N, C-alpha and C. Protein backbone atom coordinates (compact mmCIF):
# COMPACT_ATOMS: atom_id res chain seq x y z
N MET A 1 24.66 136.26 23.51
CA MET A 1 24.89 136.43 24.93
C MET A 1 26.34 136.84 25.12
N SER A 2 26.62 137.77 26.04
CA SER A 2 27.98 138.23 26.27
C SER A 2 28.77 137.18 27.04
N GLN A 3 30.09 137.31 26.93
CA GLN A 3 30.98 136.35 27.58
C GLN A 3 31.58 136.97 28.84
N ALA A 4 31.66 136.17 29.89
CA ALA A 4 32.35 136.58 31.11
C ALA A 4 33.84 136.46 30.87
N PRO A 5 34.69 137.11 31.69
CA PRO A 5 36.14 137.03 31.51
C PRO A 5 36.67 135.60 31.48
N ASN A 6 35.99 134.65 32.13
CA ASN A 6 36.47 133.27 32.15
C ASN A 6 36.00 132.50 30.91
N GLY A 7 35.37 133.17 29.95
CA GLY A 7 34.97 132.53 28.71
C GLY A 7 33.59 131.91 28.77
N GLN A 8 32.90 131.98 29.90
CA GLN A 8 31.57 131.40 30.02
C GLN A 8 30.53 132.49 29.80
N ALA A 9 29.35 132.08 29.47
CA ALA A 9 28.27 133.04 29.23
C ALA A 9 28.02 133.84 30.50
N ALA A 10 27.93 135.17 30.34
CA ALA A 10 27.67 136.03 31.49
C ALA A 10 26.32 135.68 32.10
N GLY A 11 26.28 135.61 33.41
CA GLY A 11 25.03 135.30 34.10
C GLY A 11 24.72 133.82 34.18
N SER A 12 25.57 132.97 33.66
CA SER A 12 25.29 131.53 33.72
C SER A 12 25.61 131.00 35.11
N ASN A 13 25.00 129.87 35.44
CA ASN A 13 25.26 129.24 36.74
C ASN A 13 26.71 128.85 36.89
N ALA A 14 27.37 128.54 35.79
CA ALA A 14 28.76 128.09 35.86
C ALA A 14 29.67 129.19 36.41
N SER A 15 29.32 130.46 36.20
CA SER A 15 30.16 131.55 36.66
C SER A 15 29.79 132.04 38.06
N ASN A 16 28.74 131.52 38.62
CA ASN A 16 28.28 131.97 39.93
C ASN A 16 28.13 130.76 40.86
N PRO A 17 29.04 130.63 41.84
CA PRO A 17 28.98 129.44 42.70
C PRO A 17 27.68 129.33 43.49
N PHE A 18 27.10 130.46 43.89
CA PHE A 18 25.84 130.40 44.64
C PHE A 18 24.71 129.91 43.75
N ALA A 19 24.63 130.46 42.55
CA ALA A 19 23.58 130.02 41.61
C ALA A 19 23.80 128.56 41.24
N ARG A 20 25.06 128.17 41.07
CA ARG A 20 25.36 126.77 40.73
C ARG A 20 24.90 125.85 41.87
N PHE A 21 25.22 126.22 43.12
CA PHE A 21 24.82 125.40 44.25
C PHE A 21 23.30 125.30 44.34
N PHE A 22 22.63 126.45 44.34
CA PHE A 22 21.18 126.43 44.50
C PHE A 22 20.49 125.81 43.29
N GLY A 23 21.06 125.98 42.13
CA GLY A 23 20.49 125.34 40.94
C GLY A 23 20.54 123.83 41.03
N ASN A 24 21.58 123.32 41.65
CA ASN A 24 21.73 121.88 41.81
C ASN A 24 20.91 121.33 42.98
N HIS A 25 20.38 122.20 43.78
CA HIS A 25 19.68 121.76 44.99
C HIS A 25 18.24 122.28 45.06
N THR A 26 17.64 122.44 43.91
CA THR A 26 16.27 122.95 43.87
C THR A 26 15.33 122.05 44.67
N GLU A 27 15.46 120.74 44.51
CA GLU A 27 14.60 119.81 45.25
C GLU A 27 14.78 119.96 46.75
N THR A 28 16.03 120.11 47.18
CA THR A 28 16.30 120.28 48.61
C THR A 28 15.69 121.57 49.13
N LEU A 29 15.84 122.65 48.37
CA LEU A 29 15.27 123.93 48.79
C LEU A 29 13.75 123.86 48.87
N LEU A 30 13.14 123.20 47.91
CA LEU A 30 11.69 123.03 47.94
C LEU A 30 11.27 122.18 49.14
N ALA A 31 12.03 121.15 49.45
CA ALA A 31 11.73 120.31 50.61
C ALA A 31 11.87 121.12 51.91
N PHE A 32 12.92 121.96 51.99
CA PHE A 32 13.08 122.85 53.15
C PHE A 32 11.88 123.77 53.29
N ALA A 33 11.47 124.37 52.18
CA ALA A 33 10.33 125.29 52.22
C ALA A 33 9.07 124.58 52.67
N HIS A 34 8.84 123.39 52.13
CA HIS A 34 7.64 122.62 52.51
C HIS A 34 7.69 122.23 53.99
N ALA A 35 8.84 121.75 54.43
CA ALA A 35 8.98 121.35 55.84
C ALA A 35 8.81 122.56 56.77
N SER A 36 9.35 123.70 56.36
CA SER A 36 9.21 124.91 57.18
C SER A 36 7.76 125.35 57.26
N GLN A 37 7.07 125.29 56.13
CA GLN A 37 5.66 125.66 56.09
C GLN A 37 4.83 124.70 56.95
N ASP A 38 5.12 123.43 56.86
CA ASP A 38 4.40 122.42 57.64
C ASP A 38 4.64 122.64 59.14
N THR A 39 5.89 122.89 59.51
CA THR A 39 6.22 123.13 60.92
C THR A 39 5.52 124.39 61.43
N ALA A 40 5.55 125.45 60.64
CA ALA A 40 4.90 126.69 61.06
C ALA A 40 3.40 126.48 61.24
N ALA A 41 2.78 125.74 60.33
CA ALA A 41 1.34 125.48 60.44
C ALA A 41 1.03 124.69 61.71
N LYS A 42 1.86 123.70 62.02
CA LYS A 42 1.65 122.91 63.24
C LYS A 42 1.81 123.76 64.49
N LEU A 43 2.80 124.65 64.50
CA LEU A 43 3.02 125.50 65.67
C LEU A 43 1.88 126.52 65.84
N VAL A 44 1.39 127.05 64.73
CA VAL A 44 0.26 127.98 64.82
C VAL A 44 -0.98 127.26 65.32
N GLN A 45 -1.22 126.05 64.81
CA GLN A 45 -2.38 125.28 65.26
C GLN A 45 -2.25 124.93 66.74
N LEU A 46 -1.05 124.59 67.19
CA LEU A 46 -0.81 124.31 68.61
C LEU A 46 -1.14 125.54 69.45
N GLN A 47 -0.70 126.72 68.98
CA GLN A 47 -0.97 127.94 69.73
C GLN A 47 -2.47 128.22 69.78
N LEU A 48 -3.17 128.02 68.67
CA LEU A 48 -4.62 128.23 68.65
C LEU A 48 -5.33 127.26 69.60
N ASP A 49 -4.96 125.99 69.52
CA ASP A 49 -5.58 125.00 70.40
C ASP A 49 -5.28 125.30 71.86
N SER A 50 -4.06 125.71 72.13
CA SER A 50 -3.65 126.02 73.50
C SER A 50 -4.42 127.23 74.03
N SER A 51 -4.56 128.24 73.19
CA SER A 51 -5.31 129.44 73.60
C SER A 51 -6.78 129.11 73.84
N ARG A 52 -7.34 128.29 72.99
CA ARG A 52 -8.74 127.88 73.16
C ARG A 52 -8.92 127.12 74.48
N ALA A 53 -8.01 126.20 74.75
CA ALA A 53 -8.08 125.42 75.99
C ALA A 53 -7.91 126.32 77.21
N ALA A 54 -7.01 127.29 77.12
CA ALA A 54 -6.80 128.21 78.24
C ALA A 54 -8.04 129.07 78.48
N LEU A 55 -8.68 129.48 77.42
CA LEU A 55 -9.91 130.28 77.55
C LEU A 55 -11.02 129.46 78.20
N GLU A 56 -11.16 128.21 77.76
CA GLU A 56 -12.18 127.33 78.36
C GLU A 56 -11.90 127.09 79.84
N THR A 57 -10.63 126.87 80.18
CA THR A 57 -10.26 126.65 81.58
C THR A 57 -10.51 127.91 82.40
N SER A 58 -10.15 129.06 81.84
CA SER A 58 -10.37 130.33 82.56
C SER A 58 -11.85 130.59 82.80
N THR A 59 -12.67 130.28 81.81
CA THR A 59 -14.12 130.46 81.97
C THR A 59 -14.65 129.56 83.09
N ALA A 60 -14.21 128.32 83.09
CA ALA A 60 -14.65 127.39 84.15
C ALA A 60 -14.16 127.87 85.52
N ASN A 61 -12.94 128.38 85.58
CA ASN A 61 -12.39 128.85 86.84
C ASN A 61 -13.10 130.11 87.34
N LEU A 62 -13.51 130.97 86.42
CA LEU A 62 -14.28 132.15 86.83
C LEU A 62 -15.62 131.74 87.42
N LYS A 63 -16.24 130.75 86.82
CA LYS A 63 -17.51 130.24 87.37
C LYS A 63 -17.28 129.65 88.76
N ALA A 64 -16.16 128.92 88.90
CA ALA A 64 -15.85 128.32 90.20
C ALA A 64 -15.54 129.41 91.23
N ALA A 65 -14.88 130.47 90.82
CA ALA A 65 -14.54 131.56 91.74
C ALA A 65 -15.80 132.25 92.26
N ALA A 66 -16.82 132.29 91.42
CA ALA A 66 -18.07 132.92 91.84
C ALA A 66 -18.75 132.14 92.96
N SER A 67 -18.43 130.85 93.07
CA SER A 67 -19.07 130.03 94.11
C SER A 67 -18.25 129.94 95.40
N VAL A 68 -17.11 130.63 95.46
CA VAL A 68 -16.26 130.60 96.66
C VAL A 68 -17.00 131.32 97.80
N LYS A 69 -17.10 130.60 98.91
CA LYS A 69 -17.84 131.15 100.06
C LYS A 69 -16.94 131.41 101.27
N ASN A 70 -15.78 130.79 101.30
CA ASN A 70 -14.91 130.98 102.45
C ASN A 70 -13.44 130.83 102.03
N LEU A 71 -12.56 131.07 102.99
CA LEU A 71 -11.12 131.02 102.73
C LEU A 71 -10.67 129.64 102.29
N ASN A 72 -11.22 128.59 102.85
CA ASN A 72 -10.85 127.23 102.48
C ASN A 72 -11.18 126.97 101.01
N ASP A 73 -12.39 127.35 100.59
CA ASP A 73 -12.77 127.21 99.17
C ASP A 73 -11.81 127.98 98.27
N ALA A 74 -11.42 129.18 98.72
CA ALA A 74 -10.50 130.01 97.94
C ALA A 74 -9.14 129.34 97.81
N ASN A 75 -8.67 128.74 98.88
CA ASN A 75 -7.37 128.04 98.83
C ASN A 75 -7.42 126.82 97.92
N VAL A 76 -8.52 126.08 97.97
CA VAL A 76 -8.68 124.92 97.09
C VAL A 76 -8.68 125.37 95.64
N LEU A 77 -9.41 126.44 95.35
CA LEU A 77 -9.47 126.97 93.98
C LEU A 77 -8.10 127.47 93.53
N ARG A 78 -7.41 128.18 94.41
CA ARG A 78 -6.06 128.67 94.08
C ARG A 78 -5.14 127.51 93.69
N GLN A 79 -5.17 126.43 94.48
CA GLN A 79 -4.34 125.26 94.19
C GLN A 79 -4.72 124.64 92.85
N LYS A 80 -6.02 124.58 92.58
CA LYS A 80 -6.48 124.04 91.30
C LYS A 80 -6.00 124.92 90.14
N LEU A 81 -6.04 126.23 90.32
CA LEU A 81 -5.58 127.14 89.26
C LEU A 81 -4.09 126.94 88.98
N VAL A 82 -3.30 126.78 90.04
CA VAL A 82 -1.86 126.55 89.87
C VAL A 82 -1.63 125.24 89.13
N GLU A 83 -2.32 124.18 89.55
CA GLU A 83 -2.15 122.88 88.90
C GLU A 83 -2.59 122.92 87.44
N ASP A 84 -3.71 123.59 87.17
CA ASP A 84 -4.17 123.72 85.78
C ASP A 84 -3.15 124.47 84.94
N GLY A 85 -2.59 125.54 85.50
CA GLY A 85 -1.59 126.32 84.77
C GLY A 85 -0.34 125.51 84.47
N VAL A 86 0.13 124.77 85.46
CA VAL A 86 1.32 123.93 85.27
C VAL A 86 1.03 122.84 84.24
N ASP A 87 -0.12 122.21 84.34
CA ASP A 87 -0.49 121.17 83.37
C ASP A 87 -0.55 121.74 81.96
N HIS A 88 -1.16 122.90 81.84
CA HIS A 88 -1.30 123.53 80.53
C HIS A 88 0.08 123.84 79.93
N LEU A 89 0.93 124.50 80.72
CA LEU A 89 2.26 124.87 80.22
C LEU A 89 3.12 123.65 79.92
N THR A 90 3.01 122.63 80.75
CA THR A 90 3.79 121.40 80.52
C THR A 90 3.35 120.73 79.23
N GLY A 91 2.05 120.62 79.04
CA GLY A 91 1.53 120.00 77.81
C GLY A 91 1.91 120.80 76.58
N PHE A 92 1.76 122.13 76.66
CA PHE A 92 2.11 122.99 75.54
C PHE A 92 3.59 122.87 75.22
N SER A 93 4.45 122.92 76.23
CA SER A 93 5.90 122.83 76.03
C SER A 93 6.29 121.49 75.42
N ARG A 94 5.67 120.43 75.89
CA ARG A 94 5.98 119.10 75.38
C ARG A 94 5.61 119.01 73.89
N GLN A 95 4.44 119.51 73.54
CA GLN A 95 4.01 119.46 72.14
C GLN A 95 4.90 120.35 71.27
N TRP A 96 5.25 121.53 71.77
CA TRP A 96 6.13 122.43 71.02
C TRP A 96 7.48 121.74 70.78
N PHE A 97 8.01 121.11 71.81
CA PHE A 97 9.28 120.41 71.68
C PHE A 97 9.17 119.27 70.67
N ASP A 98 8.09 118.50 70.72
CA ASP A 98 7.90 117.41 69.76
C ASP A 98 7.88 117.91 68.33
N ILE A 99 7.15 118.99 68.08
CA ILE A 99 7.04 119.54 66.73
C ILE A 99 8.39 120.07 66.25
N THR A 100 9.07 120.84 67.11
CA THR A 100 10.35 121.42 66.68
C THR A 100 11.44 120.36 66.58
N SER A 101 11.40 119.33 67.41
CA SER A 101 12.38 118.24 67.30
C SER A 101 12.20 117.48 65.99
N HIS A 102 10.95 117.24 65.63
CA HIS A 102 10.66 116.57 64.36
C HIS A 102 11.16 117.43 63.19
N ALA A 103 10.92 118.73 63.25
CA ALA A 103 11.38 119.63 62.20
C ALA A 103 12.91 119.63 62.11
N GLN A 104 13.56 119.64 63.26
CA GLN A 104 15.01 119.62 63.28
C GLN A 104 15.54 118.34 62.63
N ALA A 105 14.92 117.22 62.93
CA ALA A 105 15.34 115.95 62.33
C ALA A 105 15.12 115.98 60.82
N GLN A 106 13.99 116.56 60.37
CA GLN A 106 13.73 116.68 58.93
C GLN A 106 14.82 117.52 58.26
N PHE A 107 15.14 118.67 58.87
CA PHE A 107 16.13 119.56 58.28
C PHE A 107 17.51 118.89 58.24
N LEU A 108 17.86 118.18 59.28
CA LEU A 108 19.14 117.48 59.31
C LEU A 108 19.19 116.43 58.20
N SER A 109 18.10 115.70 58.04
CA SER A 109 18.03 114.69 56.99
C SER A 109 18.18 115.33 55.60
N LEU A 110 17.50 116.45 55.40
CA LEU A 110 17.61 117.15 54.12
C LEU A 110 19.03 117.64 53.87
N LEU A 111 19.68 118.15 54.91
CA LEU A 111 21.06 118.59 54.76
C LEU A 111 21.99 117.43 54.41
N GLN A 112 21.76 116.29 55.06
CA GLN A 112 22.59 115.12 54.77
C GLN A 112 22.36 114.64 53.33
N GLN A 113 21.10 114.64 52.89
CA GLN A 113 20.80 114.25 51.52
C GLN A 113 21.45 115.22 50.54
N SER A 114 21.37 116.51 50.87
CA SER A 114 21.95 117.53 50.01
C SER A 114 23.47 117.38 49.95
N ALA A 115 24.09 117.09 51.09
CA ALA A 115 25.55 116.91 51.13
C ALA A 115 25.95 115.72 50.27
N GLY A 116 25.11 114.69 50.27
CA GLY A 116 25.39 113.52 49.43
C GLY A 116 25.33 113.84 47.95
N LYS A 117 24.48 114.80 47.58
CA LYS A 117 24.35 115.19 46.17
C LYS A 117 25.56 116.00 45.70
N THR A 118 26.21 116.72 46.62
CA THR A 118 27.35 117.54 46.21
C THR A 118 28.66 116.78 46.31
N ALA A 119 28.64 115.65 47.01
CA ALA A 119 29.88 114.89 47.18
C ALA A 119 30.30 114.22 45.89
C-alpha cells in the first residue's frame, strides 16, 4: 500500500477526518437511517389514512348534498363541511406534529450520544 505524505497508508481513515469521524460513528449513522426511515413510513401512513378519511367524508357529504331541498338545508350542510374540514386538518396537523416532534427528539438523542462518543 502506498504511503501518504504524513507517513500513513494512503486512503486510510487516519488520513481523512471525515472517514475517521464516520467510521467511528457507524452505529449512530445506522440509527439515524433507521429513525429517518421509521419517521418517513409513519408520515406516509398518516397521509394515506388522512386521504382515505377525507375521501370517505367527501362521499358522505356528496350524498348529503343530494338531499338538500332548501337554503336552510344548504346552510346547515355548508357549516358541517367547514367543521369537518377544520376537524380533519386539526387532527392531521396534530398527528404530523407528534410524529415529527418524536423524530426530532430521537435525532437530538442520537446527536448527544454521538457527541459523547467523540468526547
